[in-house]
């Protein structure tokens, strides 16, 4: 019985590791670690309930303790794509931004976008430099860059 449980735990660890390698979601790898601990316990003859308890405790502990750190460092080098890459960019106002009049346009990478200011009562003149704070539908929500100085 003990050797067959070792094979089961080994299979679980391998399957979870393969899933992690294909998804890179930083979820199943922690359970693979728990399965390895359970495998070691099965090899030394520990009862099944001890193996199962070790699997659950180690998996959850490693998930809760290590995953936040791993996520921080793994996602640190992730490149923003599509609309996420727009937030934080500095652009030049093409047409005066006035929320009360409903005017405002910005050129970005050869296309023109509607723009609104984060502050309603401030008019941002043509040629001013703004920073994109948020994207809302087809509008860029911006703030004047020199106002933050």
N, C-alpha and C. Protein backbone atom coordinates (compact mmCIF):
# COMPACT_ATOMS: atom_id res chain seq x y z
N UNK A 1 0.84 -1.21 0.00
CA UNK A 1 0.00 0.00 0.00
C UNK A 1 0.87 1.25 0.00
N UNK A 2 1.96 1.21 0.78
CA UNK A 2 2.78 2.41 0.90
C UNK A 2 3.42 2.81 -0.42
N UNK A 3 3.93 1.82 -1.18
CA UNK A 3 4.57 2.14 -2.45
C UNK A 3 3.56 2.66 -3.46
N UNK A 4 2.34 2.13 -3.44
CA UNK A 4 1.33 2.61 -4.38
C UNK A 4 0.94 4.05 -4.07
N UNK A 5 0.90 4.42 -2.79
CA UNK A 5 0.60 5.82 -2.43
C UNK A 5 1.74 6.72 -2.85
N UNK A 6 2.96 6.23 -2.79
CA UNK A 6 4.10 7.02 -3.24
C UNK A 6 3.96 7.31 -4.73
N UNK A 7 3.53 6.33 -5.48
CA UNK A 7 3.33 6.53 -6.93
C UNK A 7 2.19 7.53 -7.18
N UNK A 8 1.14 7.43 -6.39
CA UNK A 8 0.01 8.37 -6.53
C UNK A 8 0.48 9.80 -6.25
N UNK A 9 1.22 9.98 -5.15
CA UNK A 9 1.69 11.33 -4.81
C UNK A 9 2.68 11.85 -5.86
N UNK A 10 3.52 10.98 -6.38
CA UNK A 10 4.45 11.36 -7.43
C UNK A 10 3.69 11.79 -8.69
N UNK A 11 2.68 11.01 -9.05
CA UNK A 11 1.86 11.35 -10.22
C UNK A 11 1.16 12.70 -10.03
N UNK A 12 0.61 12.92 -8.83
CA UNK A 12 -0.06 14.20 -8.55
C UNK A 12 0.94 15.35 -8.66
N UNK A 13 2.12 15.18 -8.10
CA UNK A 13 3.14 16.24 -8.16
C UNK A 13 3.53 16.53 -9.61
N UNK A 14 3.71 15.49 -10.40
CA UNK A 14 4.09 15.68 -11.81
C UNK A 14 2.97 16.36 -12.59
N UNK A 15 1.75 15.91 -12.40
CA UNK A 15 0.61 16.51 -13.12
C UNK A 15 0.46 17.98 -12.76
N UNK A 16 0.53 18.30 -11.47
CA UNK A 16 0.39 19.69 -11.04
C UNK A 16 1.55 20.55 -11.57
N UNK A 17 2.74 20.00 -11.61
CA UNK A 17 3.89 20.74 -12.14
C UNK A 17 3.74 21.01 -13.63
N UNK A 18 3.25 20.03 -14.36
CA UNK A 18 3.02 20.21 -15.80
C UNK A 18 1.95 21.27 -16.04
N UNK A 19 0.89 21.21 -15.26
CA UNK A 19 -0.17 22.23 -15.38
C UNK A 19 0.42 23.62 -15.12
N UNK A 20 1.26 23.73 -14.09
CA UNK A 20 1.87 25.03 -13.77
C UNK A 20 2.76 25.50 -14.92
N UNK A 21 3.53 24.61 -15.49
CA UNK A 21 4.42 24.99 -16.60
C UNK A 21 3.63 25.48 -17.82
N UNK A 22 2.46 24.92 -18.03
CA UNK A 22 1.68 25.33 -19.20
C UNK A 22 0.86 26.58 -18.95
N UNK A 23 0.48 26.85 -17.71
CA UNK A 23 -0.36 28.02 -17.43
C UNK A 23 0.41 29.19 -16.82
N UNK A 24 1.48 28.92 -16.08
CA UNK A 24 2.26 29.96 -15.40
C UNK A 24 1.38 30.86 -14.53
N UNK A 25 0.37 30.27 -13.88
CA UNK A 25 -0.54 31.04 -13.05
C UNK A 25 -0.14 31.12 -11.60
N UNK A 26 0.94 30.47 -11.22
CA UNK A 26 1.40 30.41 -9.83
C UNK A 26 0.29 29.95 -8.88
N UNK A 27 -0.38 28.86 -9.27
CA UNK A 27 -1.41 28.29 -8.41
C UNK A 27 -1.10 26.83 -8.10
N UNK A 28 -0.92 26.02 -9.13
CA UNK A 28 -0.78 24.58 -8.90
C UNK A 28 0.59 24.18 -8.37
N UNK A 29 1.59 25.02 -8.54
CA UNK A 29 2.94 24.65 -8.09
C UNK A 29 2.99 24.45 -6.57
N UNK A 30 2.18 25.20 -5.84
CA UNK A 30 2.18 25.09 -4.38
C UNK A 30 1.60 23.74 -3.95
N UNK A 31 0.62 23.26 -4.70
CA UNK A 31 0.04 21.95 -4.39
C UNK A 31 0.99 20.83 -4.81
N UNK A 32 1.79 21.09 -5.82
CA UNK A 32 2.82 20.11 -6.20
C UNK A 32 3.84 19.98 -5.06
N UNK A 33 4.17 21.08 -4.42
CA UNK A 33 5.08 21.04 -3.27
C UNK A 33 4.46 20.22 -2.14
N UNK A 34 3.18 20.40 -1.90
CA UNK A 34 2.49 19.61 -0.88
C UNK A 34 2.49 18.14 -1.23
N UNK A 35 2.32 17.83 -2.51
CA UNK A 35 2.33 16.43 -2.95
C UNK A 35 3.70 15.81 -2.75
N UNK A 36 4.76 16.59 -2.95
CA UNK A 36 6.12 16.07 -2.72
C UNK A 36 6.35 15.74 -1.25
N UNK A 37 5.85 16.58 -0.36
CA UNK A 37 5.98 16.30 1.08
C UNK A 37 5.19 15.03 1.42
N UNK A 38 3.99 14.91 0.87
CA UNK A 38 3.19 13.71 1.11
C UNK A 38 3.89 12.47 0.54
N UNK A 39 4.56 12.63 -0.60
CA UNK A 39 5.33 11.53 -1.19
C UNK A 39 6.43 11.08 -0.23
N UNK A 40 7.17 12.03 0.32
CA UNK A 40 8.24 11.69 1.26
C UNK A 40 7.68 10.96 2.49
N UNK A 41 6.54 11.44 2.99
CA UNK A 41 5.93 10.78 4.15
C UNK A 41 5.48 9.36 3.80
N UNK A 42 4.98 9.18 2.59
CA UNK A 42 4.55 7.82 2.20
C UNK A 42 5.75 6.88 2.09
N UNK A 43 6.90 7.41 1.68
CA UNK A 43 8.11 6.58 1.55
C UNK A 43 8.66 6.14 2.90
N UNK A 44 8.42 6.95 3.95
CA UNK A 44 8.90 6.56 5.28
C UNK A 44 7.84 5.80 6.07
N UNK A 45 6.70 5.50 5.42
CA UNK A 45 5.68 4.66 6.04
C UNK A 45 4.64 5.39 6.87
N UNK A 46 4.48 6.69 6.70
CA UNK A 46 3.47 7.43 7.46
C UNK A 46 2.08 7.01 7.00
N UNK A 47 1.10 7.03 7.91
CA UNK A 47 -0.27 6.66 7.54
C UNK A 47 -0.85 7.65 6.50
N UNK A 48 -1.84 7.15 5.77
CA UNK A 48 -2.44 7.97 4.70
C UNK A 48 -2.98 9.30 5.23
N UNK A 49 -3.65 9.28 6.39
CA UNK A 49 -4.21 10.53 6.93
C UNK A 49 -3.11 11.56 7.23
N UNK A 50 -1.95 11.11 7.67
CA UNK A 50 -0.83 12.02 7.90
C UNK A 50 -0.32 12.58 6.57
N UNK A 51 -0.29 11.73 5.55
CA UNK A 51 0.12 12.20 4.23
C UNK A 51 -0.83 13.25 3.70
N UNK A 52 -2.12 12.96 3.83
CA UNK A 52 -3.15 13.89 3.35
C UNK A 52 -3.10 15.21 4.12
N UNK A 53 -2.95 15.12 5.43
CA UNK A 53 -2.86 16.33 6.26
C UNK A 53 -1.63 17.15 5.88
N UNK A 54 -0.50 16.48 5.68
CA UNK A 54 0.73 17.19 5.28
C UNK A 54 0.54 17.85 3.92
N UNK A 55 -0.09 17.13 3.00
CA UNK A 55 -0.36 17.70 1.67
C UNK A 55 -1.15 18.99 1.79
N UNK A 56 -2.23 18.95 2.56
CA UNK A 56 -3.10 20.12 2.69
C UNK A 56 -2.40 21.27 3.43
N UNK A 57 -1.76 20.95 4.54
CA UNK A 57 -1.10 22.00 5.34
C UNK A 57 0.04 22.65 4.56
N UNK A 58 0.90 21.85 3.96
CA UNK A 58 2.04 22.40 3.22
C UNK A 58 1.56 23.21 2.01
N UNK A 59 0.59 22.67 1.28
CA UNK A 59 0.08 23.37 0.09
C UNK A 59 -0.48 24.74 0.45
N UNK A 60 -1.34 24.78 1.45
CA UNK A 60 -1.96 26.05 1.84
C UNK A 60 -0.93 27.00 2.44
N UNK A 61 -0.04 26.48 3.27
CA UNK A 61 0.98 27.34 3.88
C UNK A 61 1.89 27.97 2.83
N UNK A 62 2.36 27.16 1.91
CA UNK A 62 3.25 27.69 0.88
C UNK A 62 2.48 28.65 -0.03
N UNK A 63 1.24 28.32 -0.34
CA UNK A 63 0.41 29.21 -1.15
C UNK A 63 0.26 30.57 -0.49
N UNK A 64 -0.07 30.58 0.79
CA UNK A 64 -0.30 31.84 1.50
C UNK A 64 0.98 32.62 1.79
N UNK A 65 2.07 31.93 2.05
CA UNK A 65 3.31 32.61 2.44
C UNK A 65 4.20 33.00 1.26
N UNK A 66 4.30 32.15 0.28
CA UNK A 66 5.27 32.37 -0.80
C UNK A 66 4.64 33.00 -2.04
N UNK A 67 3.38 32.69 -2.34
CA UNK A 67 2.76 33.18 -3.57
C UNK A 67 2.78 34.70 -3.68
N UNK A 68 2.46 35.47 -2.63
CA UNK A 68 2.50 36.93 -2.78
C UNK A 68 3.89 37.44 -3.20
N UNK A 69 4.93 36.87 -2.63
CA UNK A 69 6.29 37.28 -3.00
C UNK A 69 6.61 36.88 -4.43
N UNK A 70 6.27 35.65 -4.77
CA UNK A 70 6.54 35.16 -6.13
C UNK A 70 5.78 35.97 -7.16
N UNK A 71 4.53 36.29 -6.90
CA UNK A 71 3.73 37.07 -7.83
C UNK A 71 4.33 38.46 -8.02
N UNK A 72 4.80 39.03 -6.94
CA UNK A 72 5.39 40.37 -7.02
C UNK A 72 6.60 40.38 -7.95
N UNK A 73 7.46 39.39 -7.82
CA UNK A 73 8.68 39.37 -8.62
C UNK A 73 8.48 38.82 -10.02
N UNK A 74 7.57 37.89 -10.18
CA UNK A 74 7.31 37.34 -11.51
C UNK A 74 6.61 38.38 -12.38
N UNK A 75 5.64 39.09 -11.84
CA UNK A 75 4.88 40.08 -12.61
C UNK A 75 5.60 41.41 -12.74
N UNK A 76 6.71 41.56 -12.07
CA UNK A 76 7.45 42.82 -12.10
C UNK A 76 7.93 43.15 -13.50
N UNK A 77 8.33 42.15 -14.25
CA UNK A 77 8.86 42.38 -15.59
C UNK A 77 7.79 42.25 -16.67
N UNK A 78 6.53 42.05 -16.28
CA UNK A 78 5.46 41.93 -17.28
C UNK A 78 5.30 43.25 -18.03
N UNK A 79 5.17 43.15 -19.32
CA UNK A 79 4.99 44.33 -20.15
C UNK A 79 3.51 44.59 -20.33
N UNK A 80 3.10 45.81 -20.08
CA UNK A 80 1.70 46.16 -20.28
C UNK A 80 1.41 46.15 -21.78
N UNK A 81 0.23 45.67 -22.11
CA UNK A 81 -0.15 45.62 -23.52
C UNK A 81 -1.50 46.28 -23.71
N UNK A 82 -1.78 46.57 -24.95
CA UNK A 82 -3.06 47.14 -25.35
C UNK A 82 -3.39 48.39 -24.54
N UNK A 83 -4.56 48.48 -24.01
CA UNK A 83 -5.02 49.71 -23.37
C UNK A 83 -4.30 49.96 -22.05
N UNK A 84 -3.82 48.92 -21.38
CA UNK A 84 -3.08 49.10 -20.13
C UNK A 84 -1.80 49.90 -20.34
N UNK A 85 -1.23 49.81 -21.55
CA UNK A 85 0.02 50.50 -21.84
C UNK A 85 -0.19 52.00 -21.97
N UNK A 86 -1.41 52.44 -22.13
CA UNK A 86 -1.71 53.87 -22.33
C UNK A 86 -1.62 54.63 -21.00
N UNK A 87 -2.07 54.02 -19.92
CA UNK A 87 -2.09 54.69 -18.62
C UNK A 87 -0.67 55.05 -18.22
N UNK A 88 -0.49 56.32 -17.86
CA UNK A 88 0.82 56.82 -17.45
C UNK A 88 1.58 57.52 -18.57
N UNK A 89 1.12 57.38 -19.80
CA UNK A 89 1.81 58.03 -20.92
C UNK A 89 1.60 59.53 -20.89
N UNK A 90 2.61 60.24 -21.35
CA UNK A 90 2.53 61.69 -21.47
C UNK A 90 2.27 62.02 -22.94
N UNK A 91 1.25 62.83 -23.18
CA UNK A 91 0.84 63.17 -24.54
C UNK A 91 0.60 64.67 -24.65
N UNK A 92 0.50 65.14 -25.89
CA UNK A 92 0.28 66.56 -26.15
C UNK A 92 -1.17 66.77 -26.56
N UNK A 93 -1.80 67.81 -26.00
CA UNK A 93 -3.19 68.13 -26.31
C UNK A 93 -3.29 68.69 -27.72
N UNK A 94 -4.17 68.12 -28.52
CA UNK A 94 -4.37 68.57 -29.90
C UNK A 94 -5.46 69.64 -29.96
N UNK A 95 -6.53 69.45 -29.18
CA UNK A 95 -7.62 70.42 -29.11
C UNK A 95 -7.92 70.66 -27.64
N UNK A 96 -8.06 71.93 -27.27
CA UNK A 96 -8.28 72.33 -25.88
C UNK A 96 -9.26 71.40 -25.15
N UNK A 97 -8.86 71.01 -23.94
CA UNK A 97 -9.71 70.14 -23.12
C UNK A 97 -10.49 70.99 -22.14
N UNK A 98 -11.81 70.96 -22.32
CA UNK A 98 -12.72 71.71 -21.45
C UNK A 98 -13.92 70.80 -21.18
N UNK A 99 -13.98 70.26 -19.99
CA UNK A 99 -15.06 69.32 -19.65
C UNK A 99 -16.43 69.96 -19.72
N UNK A 100 -16.53 71.23 -19.35
CA UNK A 100 -17.82 71.90 -19.35
C UNK A 100 -18.35 72.11 -20.77
N UNK A 101 -17.47 72.36 -21.72
CA UNK A 101 -17.88 72.52 -23.12
C UNK A 101 -17.91 71.19 -23.86
N UNK A 102 -17.32 70.17 -23.27
CA UNK A 102 -17.28 68.87 -23.92
C UNK A 102 -16.27 68.78 -25.05
N UNK A 103 -15.18 69.54 -24.93
CA UNK A 103 -14.15 69.51 -25.97
C UNK A 103 -12.88 68.89 -25.42
N UNK A 104 -12.07 68.39 -26.31
CA UNK A 104 -10.78 67.86 -25.93
C UNK A 104 -10.36 66.69 -26.78
N UNK A 105 -9.20 66.83 -27.40
CA UNK A 105 -8.67 65.75 -28.22
C UNK A 105 -7.17 65.65 -28.03
N UNK A 106 -6.68 64.41 -28.15
CA UNK A 106 -5.26 64.12 -27.99
C UNK A 106 -4.84 63.18 -29.12
N UNK A 107 -3.68 63.44 -29.68
CA UNK A 107 -3.11 62.50 -30.65
C UNK A 107 -2.25 61.50 -29.93
N UNK A 108 -2.46 60.22 -30.28
CA UNK A 108 -1.64 59.18 -29.69
C UNK A 108 -1.34 58.14 -30.77
N UNK A 109 -0.07 58.02 -31.09
CA UNK A 109 0.39 57.03 -32.05
C UNK A 109 -0.38 57.09 -33.37
N UNK A 110 -0.62 58.30 -33.84
CA UNK A 110 -1.26 58.48 -35.14
C UNK A 110 -2.78 58.47 -35.13
N UNK A 111 -3.39 58.27 -33.99
CA UNK A 111 -4.85 58.32 -33.93
C UNK A 111 -5.28 59.38 -32.92
N UNK A 112 -6.47 59.91 -33.14
CA UNK A 112 -6.99 60.97 -32.28
C UNK A 112 -7.98 60.37 -31.30
N UNK A 113 -7.81 60.75 -30.03
CA UNK A 113 -8.67 60.27 -28.95
C UNK A 113 -9.40 61.44 -28.31
N UNK A 114 -10.63 61.19 -27.86
CA UNK A 114 -11.33 62.18 -27.05
C UNK A 114 -10.66 62.20 -25.68
N UNK A 115 -10.60 63.38 -25.08
CA UNK A 115 -9.94 63.50 -23.78
C UNK A 115 -10.75 64.36 -22.85
N UNK A 116 -10.76 63.99 -21.58
CA UNK A 116 -11.39 64.80 -20.54
C UNK A 116 -10.41 64.93 -19.39
N UNK A 117 -10.55 66.02 -18.68
CA UNK A 117 -9.66 66.29 -17.54
C UNK A 117 -10.20 65.62 -16.28
N UNK A 118 -9.30 65.33 -15.35
CA UNK A 118 -9.73 64.77 -14.07
C UNK A 118 -10.43 65.82 -13.22
N UNK A 119 -10.22 67.10 -13.56
CA UNK A 119 -10.84 68.20 -12.82
C UNK A 119 -11.76 68.96 -13.76
N UNK A 120 -13.05 69.09 -13.39
CA UNK A 120 -14.03 69.69 -14.29
C UNK A 120 -13.81 71.16 -14.59
N UNK A 121 -13.37 71.95 -13.62
CA UNK A 121 -13.32 73.39 -13.82
C UNK A 121 -11.97 73.89 -14.35
N UNK A 122 -11.12 73.01 -14.82
CA UNK A 122 -9.83 73.41 -15.37
C UNK A 122 -9.83 73.18 -16.87
N UNK A 123 -9.39 74.19 -17.61
CA UNK A 123 -9.25 74.09 -19.05
C UNK A 123 -7.78 73.83 -19.36
N UNK A 124 -7.51 72.82 -20.17
CA UNK A 124 -6.14 72.49 -20.55
C UNK A 124 -5.95 72.93 -21.99
N UNK A 125 -5.06 73.89 -22.22
CA UNK A 125 -4.92 74.46 -23.56
C UNK A 125 -4.24 73.51 -24.55
N UNK A 126 -4.46 73.79 -25.83
CA UNK A 126 -3.82 73.06 -26.90
C UNK A 126 -2.30 73.18 -26.75
N UNK A 127 -1.59 72.09 -26.95
CA UNK A 127 -0.14 72.08 -26.84
C UNK A 127 0.38 71.72 -25.46
N UNK A 128 -0.50 71.70 -24.45
CA UNK A 128 -0.07 71.34 -23.09
C UNK A 128 0.24 69.84 -23.02
N UNK A 129 1.11 69.50 -22.09
CA UNK A 129 1.46 68.10 -21.89
C UNK A 129 0.58 67.55 -20.77
N UNK A 130 -0.03 66.40 -21.05
CA UNK A 130 -0.90 65.75 -20.07
C UNK A 130 -0.43 64.31 -19.87
N UNK A 131 -0.85 63.75 -18.75
CA UNK A 131 -0.55 62.35 -18.44
C UNK A 131 -1.87 61.60 -18.36
N UNK A 132 -1.94 60.45 -19.02
CA UNK A 132 -3.15 59.63 -19.00
C UNK A 132 -3.27 58.94 -17.64
N UNK A 133 -4.41 59.17 -16.98
CA UNK A 133 -4.66 58.60 -15.67
C UNK A 133 -5.51 57.33 -15.78
N UNK A 134 -6.41 57.33 -16.76
CA UNK A 134 -7.36 56.23 -16.87
C UNK A 134 -7.93 56.24 -18.28
N UNK A 135 -8.45 55.12 -18.71
CA UNK A 135 -9.15 55.02 -19.98
C UNK A 135 -10.58 54.63 -19.67
N UNK A 136 -11.52 55.39 -20.20
CA UNK A 136 -12.93 55.11 -19.98
C UNK A 136 -13.61 55.03 -21.35
N UNK A 137 -13.84 53.82 -21.80
CA UNK A 137 -14.41 53.63 -23.13
C UNK A 137 -13.45 54.14 -24.18
N UNK A 138 -13.93 55.11 -24.97
CA UNK A 138 -13.09 55.69 -26.03
C UNK A 138 -12.49 57.03 -25.61
N UNK A 139 -12.54 57.32 -24.32
CA UNK A 139 -12.00 58.59 -23.81
C UNK A 139 -10.80 58.35 -22.91
N UNK A 140 -9.84 59.26 -23.03
CA UNK A 140 -8.70 59.24 -22.13
C UNK A 140 -8.96 60.24 -21.02
N UNK A 141 -8.83 59.81 -19.80
CA UNK A 141 -8.96 60.70 -18.64
C UNK A 141 -7.53 61.15 -18.33
N UNK A 142 -7.32 62.48 -18.37
CA UNK A 142 -5.95 62.99 -18.26
C UNK A 142 -5.86 64.05 -17.17
N UNK A 143 -4.62 64.32 -16.77
CA UNK A 143 -4.36 65.45 -15.89
C UNK A 143 -3.16 66.19 -16.45
N UNK A 144 -3.19 67.49 -16.25
CA UNK A 144 -2.10 68.30 -16.77
C UNK A 144 -0.83 67.95 -16.03
N UNK A 145 0.24 67.71 -16.77
CA UNK A 145 1.48 67.22 -16.18
C UNK A 145 2.13 68.26 -15.29
N UNK A 146 2.15 69.53 -15.69
CA UNK A 146 2.84 70.54 -14.90
C UNK A 146 2.09 70.96 -13.65
N UNK A 147 0.84 70.47 -13.47
CA UNK A 147 0.08 70.77 -12.25
C UNK A 147 0.59 69.95 -11.08
N UNK A 148 1.31 68.87 -11.36
CA UNK A 148 1.83 68.02 -10.30
C UNK A 148 3.19 68.47 -9.78
N UNK A 149 3.74 69.50 -10.36
CA UNK A 149 5.07 69.95 -9.96
C UNK A 149 5.01 70.76 -8.70
